[in-house]
PDB file of all heavy atoms in Angstrom:
ATOM      1  N   LYS A   1     119.448  93.112 107.389  1.00  0.00           N
ATOM      2  CA  LYS A   1     118.727  92.004 106.776  1.00  0.00           C
ATOM      3  C   LYS A   1     117.411  92.502 106.210  1.00  0.00           C
ATOM      4  O   LYS A   1     116.863  93.520 106.654  1.00  0.00           O
ATOM      5  CB  LYS A   1     118.494  90.862 107.756  1.00  0.00           C
ATOM      6  CG  LYS A   1     117.550  91.158 108.883  1.00  0.00           C
ATOM      7  CD  LYS A   1     117.384  89.926 109.772  1.00  0.00           C
ATOM      8  CE  LYS A   1     116.512  90.242 110.969  1.00  0.00           C
ATOM      9  NZ  LYS A   1     116.310  89.075 111.807  1.00  0.00           N
ATOM     10  N   ILE A   2     116.921  91.790 105.224  1.00  0.00           N
ATOM     11  CA  ILE A   2     115.641  92.097 104.593  1.00  0.00           C
ATOM     12  C   ILE A   2     114.542  91.565 105.510  1.00  0.00           C
ATOM     13  O   ILE A   2     114.552  90.391 105.872  1.00  0.00           O
ATOM     14  CB  ILE A   2     115.554  91.439 103.195  1.00  0.00           C
ATOM     15  CG1 ILE A   2     116.708  91.888 102.292  1.00  0.00           C
ATOM     16  CG2 ILE A   2     114.197  91.717 102.559  1.00  0.00           C
ATOM     17  CD1 ILE A   2     116.782  93.365 102.020  1.00  0.00           C
ATOM     18  N   VAL A   3     113.595  92.443 105.867  1.00  0.00           N
ATOM     19  CA  VAL A   3     112.550  92.037 106.814  1.00  0.00           C
ATOM     20  C   VAL A   3     111.135  92.198 106.270  1.00  0.00           C
ATOM     21  O   VAL A   3     110.171  92.050 107.019  1.00  0.00           O
ATOM     22  CB  VAL A   3     112.701  92.769 108.176  1.00  0.00           C
ATOM     23  CG1 VAL A   3     113.991  92.349 108.874  1.00  0.00           C
ATOM     24  CG2 VAL A   3     112.623  94.278 108.012  1.00  0.00           C
ATOM     25  N   SER A   4     111.000  92.483 104.974  1.00  0.00           N
ATOM     26  CA  SER A   4     109.656  92.562 104.404  1.00  0.00           C
ATOM     27  C   SER A   4     109.668  92.028 102.986  1.00  0.00           C
ATOM     28  O   SER A   4     110.720  91.944 102.347  1.00  0.00           O
ATOM     29  CB  SER A   4     109.146  94.014 104.376  1.00  0.00           C
ATOM     30  OG  SER A   4     109.763  94.738 103.321  1.00  0.00           O
ATOM     31  N   HIS A   5     108.496  91.705 102.509  1.00  0.00           N
ATOM     32  CA  HIS A   5     108.330  91.391 101.094  1.00  0.00           C
ATOM     33  C   HIS A   5     108.366  92.714 100.335  1.00  0.00           C
ATOM     34  O   HIS A   5     108.221  93.787 100.929  1.00  0.00           O
ATOM     35  CB  HIS A   5     107.011  90.657 100.871  1.00  0.00           C
ATOM     36  CG  HIS A   5     106.986  89.319 101.538  1.00  0.00           C
ATOM     37  ND1 HIS A   5     107.626  88.229 101.030  1.00  0.00           N
ATOM     38  CD2 HIS A   5     106.415  88.920 102.702  1.00  0.00           C
ATOM     39  CE1 HIS A   5     107.462  87.199 101.836  1.00  0.00           C
ATOM     40  NE2 HIS A   5     106.724  87.596 102.877  1.00  0.00           N
ATOM     41  N   SER A   6     108.518  92.660  99.024  1.00  0.00           N
ATOM     42  CA  SER A   6     108.525  93.897  98.247  1.00  0.00           C
ATOM     43  C   SER A   6     107.114  94.489  98.231  1.00  0.00           C
ATOM     44  O   SER A   6     106.123  93.764  98.291  1.00  0.00           O
ATOM     45  CB  SER A   6     109.018  93.643  96.827  1.00  0.00           C
ATOM     46  OG  SER A   6     108.115  92.844  96.107  1.00  0.00           O
ATOM     47  N   TYR A   7     107.069  95.808  98.164  1.00  0.00           N
ATOM     48  CA  TYR A   7     105.799  96.518  98.062  1.00  0.00           C
ATOM     49  C   TYR A   7     106.037  97.815  97.297  1.00  0.00           C
ATOM     50  O   TYR A   7     107.175  98.277  97.189  1.00  0.00           O
ATOM     51  CB  TYR A   7     105.167  96.750  99.436  1.00  0.00           C
ATOM     52  CG  TYR A   7     106.001  97.523 100.442  1.00  0.00           C
ATOM     53  CD1 TYR A   7     105.787  98.886 100.646  1.00  0.00           C
ATOM     54  CD2 TYR A   7     106.976  96.890 101.214  1.00  0.00           C
ATOM     55  CE1 TYR A   7     106.518  99.594 101.588  1.00  0.00           C
ATOM     56  CE2 TYR A   7     107.715  97.592 102.149  1.00  0.00           C
ATOM     57  CZ  TYR A   7     107.482  98.943 102.336  1.00  0.00           C
ATOM     58  OH  TYR A   7     108.209  99.650 103.260  1.00  0.00           O
ATOM     59  N   PRO A   8     104.972  98.398  96.727  1.00  0.00           N
ATOM     60  CA  PRO A   8     105.150  99.587  95.895  1.00  0.00           C
ATOM     61  C   PRO A   8     105.841 100.730  96.645  1.00  0.00           C
ATOM     62  O   PRO A   8     105.537 100.997  97.811  1.00  0.00           O
ATOM     63  CB  PRO A   8     103.733  99.972  95.502  1.00  0.00           C
ATOM     64  CG  PRO A   8     102.975  98.681  95.553  1.00  0.00           C
ATOM     65  CD  PRO A   8     103.574  97.937  96.717  1.00  0.00           C
ATOM     66  N   ASP A   9     106.753 101.385  95.955  1.00  0.00           N
ATOM     67  CA  ASP A   9     107.469 102.528  96.503  1.00  0.00           C
ATOM     68  C   ASP A   9     106.566 103.759  96.417  1.00  0.00           C
ATOM     69  O   ASP A   9     106.359 104.312  95.340  1.00  0.00           O
ATOM     70  CB  ASP A   9     108.768 102.742  95.725  1.00  0.00           C
ATOM     71  CG  ASP A   9     109.621 103.865  96.276  1.00  0.00           C
ATOM     72  OD1 ASP A   9     109.098 104.715  97.027  1.00  0.00           O
ATOM     73  OD2 ASP A   9     110.816 103.911  95.935  1.00  0.00           O
ATOM     74  N   HIS A  10     106.060 104.182  97.544  1.00  0.00           N
ATOM     75  CA  HIS A  10     105.125 105.304  97.605  1.00  0.00           C
ATOM     76  C   HIS A  10     105.744 106.626  97.153  1.00  0.00           C
ATOM     77  O   HIS A  10     105.036 107.535  96.753  1.00  0.00           O
ATOM     78  CB  HIS A  10     104.560 105.446  99.021  1.00  0.00           C
ATOM     79  CG  HIS A  10     105.618 105.742 100.044  1.00  0.00           C
ATOM     80  ND1 HIS A  10     106.327 104.743 100.674  1.00  0.00           N
ATOM     81  CD2 HIS A  10     106.107 106.908 100.506  1.00  0.00           C
ATOM     82  CE1 HIS A  10     107.207 105.290 101.496  1.00  0.00           C
ATOM     83  NE2 HIS A  10     107.092 106.599 101.416  1.00  0.00           N
ATOM     84  N   THR A  11     107.075 106.758  97.206  1.00  0.00           N
ATOM     85  CA  THR A  11     107.697 108.014  96.796  1.00  0.00           C
ATOM     86  C   THR A  11     107.495 108.278  95.305  1.00  0.00           C
ATOM     87  O   THR A  11     107.537 109.430  94.869  1.00  0.00           O
ATOM     88  CB  THR A  11     109.197 108.052  97.137  1.00  0.00           C
ATOM     89  OG1 THR A  11     109.883 107.043  96.399  1.00  0.00           O
ATOM     90  CG2 THR A  11     109.427 107.849  98.628  1.00  0.00           C
ATOM     91  N   ALA A  12     107.249 107.229  94.532  1.00  0.00           N
ATOM     92  CA  ALA A  12     107.013 107.387  93.095  1.00  0.00           C
ATOM     93  C   ALA A  12     105.684 108.075  92.808  1.00  0.00           C
ATOM     94  O   ALA A  12     105.497 108.635  91.727  1.00  0.00           O
ATOM     95  CB  ALA A  12     107.051 106.028  92.404  1.00  0.00           C
ATOM     96  N   PHE A  13     104.757 108.050  93.772  1.00  0.00           N
ATOM     97  CA  PHE A  13     103.429 108.624  93.569  1.00  0.00           C
ATOM     98  C   PHE A  13     103.333 110.077  94.056  1.00  0.00           C
ATOM     99  O   PHE A  13     102.319 110.728  93.841  1.00  0.00           O
ATOM    100  CB  PHE A  13     102.356 107.812  94.300  1.00  0.00           C
ATOM    101  CG  PHE A  13     102.483 106.323  94.139  1.00  0.00           C
ATOM    102  CD1 PHE A  13     102.287 105.478  95.219  1.00  0.00           C
ATOM    103  CD2 PHE A  13     102.800 105.752  92.912  1.00  0.00           C
ATOM    104  CE1 PHE A  13     102.395 104.102  95.081  1.00  0.00           C
ATOM    105  CE2 PHE A  13     102.918 104.382  92.769  1.00  0.00           C
ATOM    106  CZ  PHE A  13     102.714 103.550  93.852  1.00  0.00           C
ATOM    107  N   ASP A  14     104.360 110.557  94.724  1.00  0.00           N
ATOM    108  CA  ASP A  14     104.333 111.867  95.363  1.00  0.00           C
ATOM    109  C   ASP A  14     105.020 112.919  94.493  1.00  0.00           C
ATOM    110  O   ASP A  14     106.248 112.914  94.369  1.00  0.00           O
ATOM    111  CB  ASP A  14     105.033 111.784  96.724  1.00  0.00           C
ATOM    112  CG  ASP A  14     105.078 113.097  97.462  1.00  0.00           C
ATOM    113  OD1 ASP A  14     104.534 114.109  96.969  1.00  0.00           O
ATOM    114  OD2 ASP A  14     105.674 113.112  98.557  1.00  0.00           O
ATOM    115  N   PRO A  15     104.262 113.841  93.907  1.00  0.00           N
ATOM    116  CA  PRO A  15     104.868 114.859  93.042  1.00  0.00           C
ATOM    117  C   PRO A  15     105.898 115.740  93.754  1.00  0.00           C
ATOM    118  O   PRO A  15     106.740 116.352  93.112  1.00  0.00           O
ATOM    119  CB  PRO A  15     103.680 115.709  92.575  1.00  0.00           C
ATOM    120  CG  PRO A  15     102.475 114.895  92.844  1.00  0.00           C
ATOM    121  CD  PRO A  15     102.811 113.956  93.967  1.00  0.00           C
ATOM    122  N   GLU A  16     105.852 115.775  95.074  1.00  0.00           N
ATOM    123  CA  GLU A  16     106.824 116.574  95.833  1.00  0.00           C
ATOM    124  C   GLU A  16     108.127 115.816  96.093  1.00  0.00           C
ATOM    125  O   GLU A  16     109.108 116.408  96.533  1.00  0.00           O
ATOM    126  CB  GLU A  16     106.210 116.997  97.175  1.00  0.00           C
ATOM    127  CG  GLU A  16     104.934 117.810  97.042  1.00  0.00           C
ATOM    128  CD  GLU A  16     105.150 119.110  96.290  1.00  0.00           C
ATOM    129  OE1 GLU A  16     106.127 119.820  96.579  1.00  0.00           O
ATOM    130  OE2 GLU A  16     104.340 119.421  95.387  1.00  0.00           O
ATOM    131  N   SER A  17     108.145 114.525  95.838  1.00  0.00           N
ATOM    132  CA  SER A  17     109.330 113.704  96.097  1.00  0.00           C
ATOM    133  C   SER A  17     110.319 113.790  94.937  1.00  0.00           C
ATOM    134  O   SER A  17     109.923 113.832  93.770  1.00  0.00           O
ATOM    135  CB  SER A  17     108.915 112.237  96.291  1.00  0.00           C
ATOM    136  OG  SER A  17     110.065 111.408  96.347  1.00  0.00           O
ATOM    137  N   LYS A  18     111.605 113.763  95.270  1.00  0.00           N
ATOM    138  CA  LYS A  18     112.606 113.734  94.201  1.00  0.00           C
ATOM    139  C   LYS A  18     112.584 112.404  93.455  1.00  0.00           C
ATOM    140  O   LYS A  18     113.177 112.267  92.397  1.00  0.00           O
ATOM    141  CB  LYS A  18     113.995 114.046  94.740  1.00  0.00           C
ATOM    142  CG  LYS A  18     114.609 113.002  95.628  1.00  0.00           C
ATOM    143  CD  LYS A  18     115.999 113.441  96.074  1.00  0.00           C
ATOM    144  CE  LYS A  18     116.640 112.415  96.974  1.00  0.00           C
ATOM    145  NZ  LYS A  18     118.002 112.805  97.340  1.00  0.00           N
ATOM    146  N   TYR A  19     111.888 111.418  93.997  1.00  0.00           N
ATOM    147  CA  TYR A  19     111.766 110.106  93.354  1.00  0.00           C
ATOM    148  C   TYR A  19     110.440 109.932  92.607  1.00  0.00           C
ATOM    149  O   TYR A  19     110.105 108.832  92.178  1.00  0.00           O
ATOM    150  CB  TYR A  19     111.928 108.994  94.394  1.00  0.00           C
ATOM    151  CG  TYR A  19     113.259 109.049  95.110  1.00  0.00           C
ATOM    152  CD1 TYR A  19     113.318 109.252  96.484  1.00  0.00           C
ATOM    153  CD2 TYR A  19     114.455 108.923  94.419  1.00  0.00           C
ATOM    154  CE1 TYR A  19     114.538 109.311  97.142  1.00  0.00           C
ATOM    155  CE2 TYR A  19     115.670 108.992  95.064  1.00  0.00           C
ATOM    156  CZ  TYR A  19     115.705 109.179  96.430  1.00  0.00           C
ATOM    157  OH  TYR A  19     116.907 109.246  97.080  1.00  0.00           O
ATOM    158  N   TYR A  20     109.715 111.017  92.455  1.00  0.00           N
ATOM    159  CA  TYR A  20     108.422 110.972  91.762  1.00  0.00           C
ATOM    160  C   TYR A  20     108.573 110.452  90.330  1.00  0.00           C
ATOM    161  O   TYR A  20     109.518 110.802  89.622  1.00  0.00           O
ATOM    162  CB  TYR A  20     107.811 112.373  91.737  1.00  0.00           C
ATOM    163  CG  TYR A  20     106.522 112.473  90.966  1.00  0.00           C
ATOM    164  CD1 TYR A  20     105.390 111.766  91.360  1.00  0.00           C
ATOM    165  CD2 TYR A  20     106.433 113.277  89.834  1.00  0.00           C
ATOM    166  CE1 TYR A  20     104.199 111.864  90.658  1.00  0.00           C
ATOM    167  CE2 TYR A  20     105.245 113.392  89.121  1.00  0.00           C
ATOM    168  CZ  TYR A  20     104.135 112.678  89.535  1.00  0.00           C
ATOM    169  OH  TYR A  20     102.957 112.770  88.840  1.00  0.00           O
ATOM    170  N   ASP A  21     107.639 109.589  89.949  1.00  0.00           N
ATOM    171  CA  ASP A  21     107.588 109.081  88.571  1.00  0.00           C
ATOM    172  C   ASP A  21     106.137 109.157  88.110  1.00  0.00           C
ATOM    173  O   ASP A  21     105.302 108.374  88.553  1.00  0.00           O
ATOM    174  CB  ASP A  21     108.089 107.641  88.506  1.00  0.00           C
ATOM    175  CG  ASP A  21     108.077 107.081  87.099  1.00  0.00           C
ATOM    176  OD1 ASP A  21     107.522 107.716  86.172  1.00  0.00           O
ATOM    177  OD2 ASP A  21     108.622 105.984  86.907  1.00  0.00           O
ATOM    178  N   PRO A  22     105.832 110.088  87.204  1.00  0.00           N
ATOM    179  CA  PRO A  22     104.444 110.240  86.767  1.00  0.00           C
ATOM    180  C   PRO A  22     103.889 109.012  86.045  1.00  0.00           C
ATOM    181  O   PRO A  22     102.676 108.869  85.912  1.00  0.00           O
ATOM    182  CB  PRO A  22     104.485 111.455  85.834  1.00  0.00           C
ATOM    183  CG  PRO A  22     105.907 111.611  85.444  1.00  0.00           C
ATOM    184  CD  PRO A  22     106.728 111.025  86.553  1.00  0.00           C
ATOM    185  N   LYS A  23     104.766 108.103  85.613  1.00  0.00           N
ATOM    186  CA  LYS A  23     104.302 106.893  84.935  1.00  0.00           C
ATOM    187  C   LYS A  23     103.990 105.758  85.909  1.00  0.00           C
ATOM    188  O   LYS A  23     103.553 104.691  85.499  1.00  0.00           O
ATOM    189  CB  LYS A  23     105.341 106.433  83.915  1.00  0.00           C
ATOM    190  CG  LYS A  23     105.507 107.423  82.780  1.00  0.00           C
ATOM    191  CD  LYS A  23     106.519 106.932  81.775  1.00  0.00           C
ATOM    192  CE  LYS A  23     106.668 107.950  80.646  1.00  0.00           C
ATOM    193  NZ  LYS A  23     107.711 107.561  79.716  1.00  0.00           N
ATOM    194  N   SER A  24     104.223 105.999  87.186  1.00  0.00           N
ATOM    195  CA  SER A  24     103.941 104.994  88.211  1.00  0.00           C
ATOM    196  C   SER A  24     102.699 105.427  88.987  1.00  0.00           C
ATOM    197  O   SER A  24     102.536 106.599  89.297  1.00  0.00           O
ATOM    198  CB  SER A  24     105.131 104.876  89.160  1.00  0.00           C
ATOM    199  OG  SER A  24     104.957 103.808  90.047  1.00  0.00           O
ATOM    200  N   SER A  25     101.837 104.465  89.280  1.00  0.00           N
ATOM    201  CA  SER A  25     100.625 104.782  90.043  1.00  0.00           C
ATOM    202  C   SER A  25     100.338 103.645  91.022  1.00  0.00           C
ATOM    203  O   SER A  25     100.842 102.531  90.851  1.00  0.00           O
ATOM    204  CB  SER A  25      99.439 104.948  89.092  1.00  0.00           C
ATOM    205  OG  SER A  25      99.093 103.700  88.526  1.00  0.00           O
ATOM    206  N   PRO A  26      99.519 103.895  92.029  1.00  0.00           N
ATOM    207  CA  PRO A  26      99.180 102.817  92.957  1.00  0.00           C
ATOM    208  C   PRO A  26      98.537 101.612  92.250  1.00  0.00           C
ATOM    209  O   PRO A  26      98.732 100.472  92.663  1.00  0.00           O
ATOM    210  CB  PRO A  26      98.203 103.476  93.932  1.00  0.00           C
ATOM    211  CG  PRO A  26      98.579 104.924  93.915  1.00  0.00           C
ATOM    212  CD  PRO A  26      98.988 105.188  92.479  1.00  0.00           C
ATOM    213  N   ASP A  27      97.791 101.869  91.155  1.00  0.00           N
ATOM    214  CA  ASP A  27      97.175 100.776  90.394  1.00  0.00           C
ATOM    215  C   ASP A  27      98.214  99.986  89.596  1.00  0.00           C
ATOM    216  O   ASP A  27      98.082  98.773  89.425  1.00  0.00           O
ATOM    217  CB  ASP A  27      96.153 101.307  89.386  1.00  0.00           C
ATOM    218  CG  ASP A  27      95.103 102.195  90.006  1.00  0.00           C
ATOM    219  OD1 ASP A  27      95.117 102.388  91.228  1.00  0.00           O
ATOM    220  OD2 ASP A  27      94.270 102.693  89.234  1.00  0.00           O
ATOM    221  N   LYS A  28      99.194 100.696  89.062  1.00  0.00           N
ATOM    222  CA  LYS A  28     100.246 100.072  88.252  1.00  0.00           C
ATOM    223  C   LYS A  28     101.606 100.597  88.708  1.00  0.00           C
ATOM    224  O   LYS A  28     102.230 101.417  88.033  1.00  0.00           O
ATOM    225  CB  LYS A  28     100.034 100.383  86.769  1.00  0.00           C
ATOM    226  CG  LYS A  28      98.843  99.701  86.170  1.00  0.00           C
ATOM    227  CD  LYS A  28      98.837  99.875  84.677  1.00  0.00           C
ATOM    228  CE  LYS A  28      97.693  99.048  84.102  1.00  0.00           C
ATOM    229  NZ  LYS A  28      97.717  99.014  82.657  1.00  0.00           N
ATOM    230  N   PRO A  29     102.065 100.107  89.861  1.00  0.00           N
ATOM    231  CA  PRO A  29     103.350 100.607  90.368  1.00  0.00           C
ATOM    232  C   PRO A  29     104.504 100.144  89.472  1.00  0.00           C
ATOM    233  O   PRO A  29     104.509  99.027  88.979  1.00  0.00           O
ATOM    234  CB  PRO A  29     103.451  99.998  91.765  1.00  0.00           C
ATOM    235  CG  PRO A  29     102.555  98.813  91.734  1.00  0.00           C
ATOM    236  CD  PRO A  29     101.470  99.116  90.740  1.00  0.00           C
ATOM    237  N   ARG A  30     105.430 101.027  89.287  1.00  0.00           N
ATOM    238  CA  ARG A  30     106.616 100.735  88.480  1.00  0.00           C
ATOM    239  C   ARG A  30     107.807 100.419  89.389  1.00  0.00           C
ATOM    240  O   ARG A  30     108.710  99.694  88.988  1.00  0.00           O
ATOM    241  CB  ARG A  30     106.909 101.959  87.616  1.00  0.00           C
ATOM    242  CG  ARG A  30     108.048 101.804  86.677  1.00  0.00           C
ATOM    243  CD  ARG A  30     108.239 103.092  85.920  1.00  0.00           C
ATOM    244  NE  ARG A  30     107.738 102.919  84.568  1.00  0.00           N
ATOM    245  CZ  ARG A  30     107.871 103.795  83.619  1.00  0.00           C
ATOM    246  NH1 ARG A  30     108.442 104.954  83.859  1.00  0.00           N
ATOM    247  NH2 ARG A  30     107.431 103.560  82.418  1.00  0.00           N
ATOM    248  N   TRP A  31     107.803 100.985  90.587  1.00  0.00           N
ATOM    249  CA  TRP A  31     108.945 100.890  91.501  1.00  0.00           C
ATOM    250  C   TRP A  31     108.528 100.235  92.812  1.00  0.00           C
ATOM    251  O   TRP A  31     107.417 100.437  93.288  1.00  0.00           O
ATOM    252  CB  TRP A  31     109.529 102.282  91.736  1.00  0.00           C
ATOM    253  CG  TRP A  31     109.868 102.941  90.451  1.00  0.00           C
ATOM    254  CD1 TRP A  31     109.210 103.977  89.864  1.00  0.00           C
ATOM    255  CD2 TRP A  31     110.909 102.565  89.550  1.00  0.00           C
ATOM    256  NE1 TRP A  31     109.792 104.276  88.668  1.00  0.00           N
ATOM    257  CE2 TRP A  31     110.838 103.432  88.438  1.00  0.00           C
ATOM    258  CE3 TRP A  31     111.903 101.593  89.567  1.00  0.00           C
ATOM    259  CZ2 TRP A  31     111.722 103.359  87.368  1.00  0.00           C
ATOM    260  CZ3 TRP A  31     112.784 101.509  88.494  1.00  0.00           C
ATOM    261  CH2 TRP A  31     112.691 102.383  87.415  1.00  0.00           C
ATOM    262  N   PHE A  32     109.472  99.494  93.399  1.00  0.00           N
ATOM    263  CA  PHE A  32     109.195  98.735  94.616  1.00  0.00           C
ATOM    264  C   PHE A  32     110.289  98.971  95.640  1.00  0.00           C
ATOM    265  O   PHE A  32     111.364  99.466  95.329  1.00  0.00           O
ATOM    266  CB  PHE A  32     109.076  97.243  94.287  1.00  0.00           C
ATOM    267  CG  PHE A  32     107.838  96.930  93.499  1.00  0.00           C
ATOM    268  CD1 PHE A  32     107.786  97.156  92.131  1.00  0.00           C
ATOM    269  CD2 PHE A  32     106.713  96.438  94.127  1.00  0.00           C
ATOM    270  CE1 PHE A  32     106.644  96.905  91.394  1.00  0.00           C
ATOM    271  CE2 PHE A  32     105.553  96.177  93.403  1.00  0.00           C
ATOM    272  CZ  PHE A  32     105.522  96.412  92.038  1.00  0.00           C
ATOM    273  N   MET A  33     109.990  98.595  96.870  1.00  0.00           N
ATOM    274  CA  MET A  33     110.959  98.721  97.948  1.00  0.00           C
ATOM    275  C   MET A  33     110.787  97.565  98.930  1.00  0.00           C
ATOM    276  O   MET A  33     109.850  96.780  98.816  1.00  0.00           O
ATOM    277  CB  MET A  33     110.805 100.064  98.652  1.00  0.00           C
ATOM    278  CG  MET A  33     109.464 100.334  99.258  1.00  0.00           C
ATOM    279  SD  MET A  33     109.448 102.050  99.841  1.00  0.00           S
ATOM    280  CE  MET A  33     107.812 102.167 100.458  1.00  0.00           C
ATOM    281  N   ARG A  34     111.698  97.490  99.851  1.00  0.00           N
ATOM    282  CA  ARG A  34     111.650  96.504 100.936  1.00  0.00           C
ATOM    283  C   ARG A  34     112.105  97.184 102.214  1.00  0.00           C
ATOM    284  O   ARG A  34     112.777  98.202 102.171  1.00  0.00           O
ATOM    285  CB  ARG A  34     112.569  95.318 100.641  1.00  0.00           C
ATOM    286  CG  ARG A  34     112.006  94.416  99.544  1.00  0.00           C
ATOM    287  CD  ARG A  34     112.806  93.152  99.469  1.00  0.00           C
ATOM    288  NE  ARG A  34     112.289  92.282  98.428  1.00  0.00           N
ATOM    289  CZ  ARG A  34     111.664  91.140  98.658  1.00  0.00           C
ATOM    290  NH1 ARG A  34     111.446  90.744  99.884  1.00  0.00           N
ATOM    291  NH2 ARG A  34     111.251  90.392  97.660  1.00  0.00           N
ATOM    292  N   ASP A  35     111.766  96.571 103.334  1.00  0.00           N
ATOM    293  CA  ASP A  35     112.231  97.073 104.617  1.00  0.00           C
ATOM    294  C   ASP A  35     113.514  96.353 105.003  1.00  0.00           C
ATOM    295  O   ASP A  35     113.672  95.145 104.771  1.00  0.00           O
ATOM    296  CB  ASP A  35     111.175  96.868 105.701  1.00  0.00           C
ATOM    297  CG  ASP A  35     109.935  97.714 105.465  1.00  0.00           C
ATOM    298  OD1 ASP A  35     109.987  98.658 104.644  1.00  0.00           O
ATOM    299  OD2 ASP A  35     108.904  97.429 106.104  1.00  0.00           O
ATOM    300  N   LEU A  36     114.400  97.121 105.609  1.00  0.00           N
ATOM    301  CA  LEU A  36     115.723  96.661 106.006  1.00  0.00           C
ATOM    302  C   LEU A  36     115.869  96.888 107.509  1.00  0.00           C
ATOM    303  O   LEU A  36     115.440  97.929 108.014  1.00  0.00           O
ATOM    304  CB  LEU A  36     116.718  97.537 105.252  1.00  0.00           C
ATOM    305  CG  LEU A  36     118.120  97.100 104.986  1.00  0.00           C
ATOM    306  CD1 LEU A  36     118.125  95.858 104.111  1.00  0.00           C
ATOM    307  CD2 LEU A  36     118.872  98.225 104.269  1.00  0.00           C
ATOM    308  N   LYS A  37     116.458  95.927 108.210  1.00  0.00           N
ATOM    309  CA  LYS A  37     116.705  96.065 109.650  1.00  0.00           C
ATOM    310  C   LYS A  37     118.201  95.957 109.906  1.00  0.00           C
ATOM    311  O   LYS A  37     118.849  95.028 109.419  1.00  0.00           O
ATOM    312  CB  LYS A  37     115.965  94.991 110.438  1.00  0.00           C
ATOM    313  CG  LYS A  37     116.203  95.079 111.939  1.00  0.00           C
ATOM    314  CD  LYS A  37     115.367  94.063 112.689  1.00  0.00           C
ATOM    315  CE  LYS A  37     115.614  94.090 114.171  1.00  0.00           C
ATOM    316  NZ  LYS A  37     115.333  95.347 114.821  1.00  0.00           N
ATOM    317  N   LEU A  38     118.722  96.887 110.662  1.00  0.00           N
ATOM    318  CA  LEU A  38     120.144  96.874 111.002  1.00  0.00           C
ATOM    319  C   LEU A  38     120.465  95.688 111.905  1.00  0.00           C
ATOM    320  O   LEU A  38     119.775  95.458 112.897  1.00  0.00           O
ATOM    321  CB  LEU A  38     120.521  98.187 111.703  1.00  0.00           C
ATOM    322  CG  LEU A  38     121.988  98.312 112.115  1.00  0.00           C
ATOM    323  CD1 LEU A  38     122.890  98.377 110.882  1.00  0.00           C
ATOM    324  CD2 LEU A  38     122.182  99.546 112.985  1.00  0.00           C
ATOM    325  N   ILE A  39     121.494  94.962 111.552  1.00  0.00           N
ATOM    326  CA  ILE A  39     122.013  93.902 112.420  1.00  0.00           C
ATOM    327  C   ILE A  39     123.209  94.436 113.199  1.00  0.00           C
ATOM    328  O   ILE A  39     123.301  94.262 114.404  1.00  0.00           O
ATOM    329  CB  ILE A  39     122.435  92.660 111.599  1.00  0.00           C
ATOM    330  CG1 ILE A  39     121.210  92.018 110.964  1.00  0.00           C
ATOM    331  CG2 ILE A  39     123.184  91.659 112.473  1.00  0.00           C
ATOM    332  CD1 ILE A  39     121.534  90.863 110.034  1.00  0.00           C
ATOM    333  N   LYS A  40     124.114  95.115 112.468  1.00  0.00           N
ATOM    334  CA  LYS A  40     125.344  95.573 113.114  1.00  0.00           C
ATOM    335  C   LYS A  40     125.962  96.720 112.330  1.00  0.00           C
ATOM    336  O   LYS A  40     126.107  96.632 111.111  1.00  0.00           O
ATOM    337  CB  LYS A  40     126.335  94.410 113.180  1.00  0.00           C
ATOM    338  CG  LYS A  40     127.677  94.742 113.751  1.00  0.00           C
ATOM    339  CD  LYS A  40     128.578  93.525 113.774  1.00  0.00           C
ATOM    340  CE  LYS A  40     129.877  93.877 114.476  1.00  0.00           C
ATOM    341  NZ  LYS A  40     130.698  92.699 114.711  1.00  0.00           N
ATOM    342  N   LYS A  41     126.301  97.767 113.028  1.00  0.00           N
ATOM    343  CA  LYS A  41     127.117  98.837 112.446  1.00  0.00           C
ATOM    344  C   LYS A  41     128.571  98.446 112.712  1.00  0.00           C
ATOM    345  O   LYS A  41     128.929  98.107 113.850  1.00  0.00           O
ATOM    346  CB  LYS A  41     126.785 100.179 113.095  1.00  0.00           C
ATOM    347  CG  LYS A  41     127.632 101.308 112.553  1.00  0.00           C
ATOM    348  CD  LYS A  41     127.300 102.636 113.211  1.00  0.00           C
ATOM    349  CE  LYS A  41     128.247 103.714 112.718  1.00  0.00           C
ATOM    350  NZ  LYS A  41     127.993 104.999 113.372  1.00  0.00           N
ATOM    351  N   LEU A  42     129.387  98.472 111.674  1.00  0.00           N
ATOM    352  CA  LEU A  42     130.785  98.083 111.839  1.00  0.00           C
ATOM    353  C   LEU A  42     131.556  99.175 112.574  1.00  0.00           C
ATOM    354  O   LEU A  42     131.292 100.365 112.364  1.00  0.00           O
ATOM    355  CB  LEU A  42     131.434  97.833 110.481  1.00  0.00           C
ATOM    356  CG  LEU A  42     130.799  96.737 109.621  1.00  0.00           C
ATOM    357  CD1 LEU A  42     131.597  96.545 108.331  1.00  0.00           C
ATOM    358  CD2 LEU A  42     130.693  95.426 110.364  1.00  0.00           C
ATOM    359  N   PRO A  43     132.519  98.782 113.404  1.00  0.00           N
ATOM    360  CA  PRO A  43     133.309  99.792 114.118  1.00  0.00           C
ATOM    361  C   PRO A  43     134.204 100.591 113.163  1.00  0.00           C
ATOM    362  O   PRO A  43     134.526 101.740 113.426  1.00  0.00           O
ATOM    363  CB  PRO A  43     134.131  98.980 115.116  1.00  0.00           C
ATOM    364  CG  PRO A  43     134.096  97.579 114.627  1.00  0.00           C
ATOM    365  CD  PRO A  43     132.867  97.424 113.789  1.00  0.00           C
ATOM    366  N   ASN A  44     134.595  99.964 112.054  1.00  0.00           N
ATOM    367  CA  ASN A  44     135.437 100.618 111.048  1.00  0.00           C
ATOM    368  C   ASN A  44     134.906 100.271 109.665  1.00  0.00           C
ATOM    369  O   ASN A  44     134.457  99.152 109.426  1.00  0.00           O
ATOM    370  CB  ASN A  44     136.887 100.140 111.145  1.00  0.00           C
ATOM    371  CG  ASN A  44     137.496 100.453 112.489  1.00  0.00           C
ATOM    372  OD1 ASN A  44     137.575 101.601 112.883  1.00  0.00           O
ATOM    373  ND2 ASN A  44     137.898  99.410 113.204  1.00  0.00           N
ATOM    374  N   ILE A  45     135.017 101.215 108.762  1.00  0.00           N
ATOM    375  CA  ILE A  45     134.590 100.991 107.389  1.00  0.00           C
ATOM    376  C   ILE A  45     135.531  99.984 106.703  1.00  0.00           C
ATOM    377  O   ILE A  45     136.722  99.957 106.990  1.00  0.00           O
ATOM    378  CB  ILE A  45     134.553 102.325 106.616  1.00  0.00           C
ATOM    379  CG1 ILE A  45     133.916 102.154 105.253  1.00  0.00           C
ATOM    380  CG2 ILE A  45     135.939 102.934 106.504  1.00  0.00           C
ATOM    381  CD1 ILE A  45     133.640 103.473 104.542  1.00  0.00           C
TER     382      ILE A  45
END
């Protein structure tokens, strides 16, 4: 389930991250994320 509001994706600001985006900054974030909490892992796919 979704357990947070959206917030800027910090990986976009990190030049060492494979998700780095030089056009995204903390002042003008381009990418966002949310927190997810596991409810149940299924016994079978």
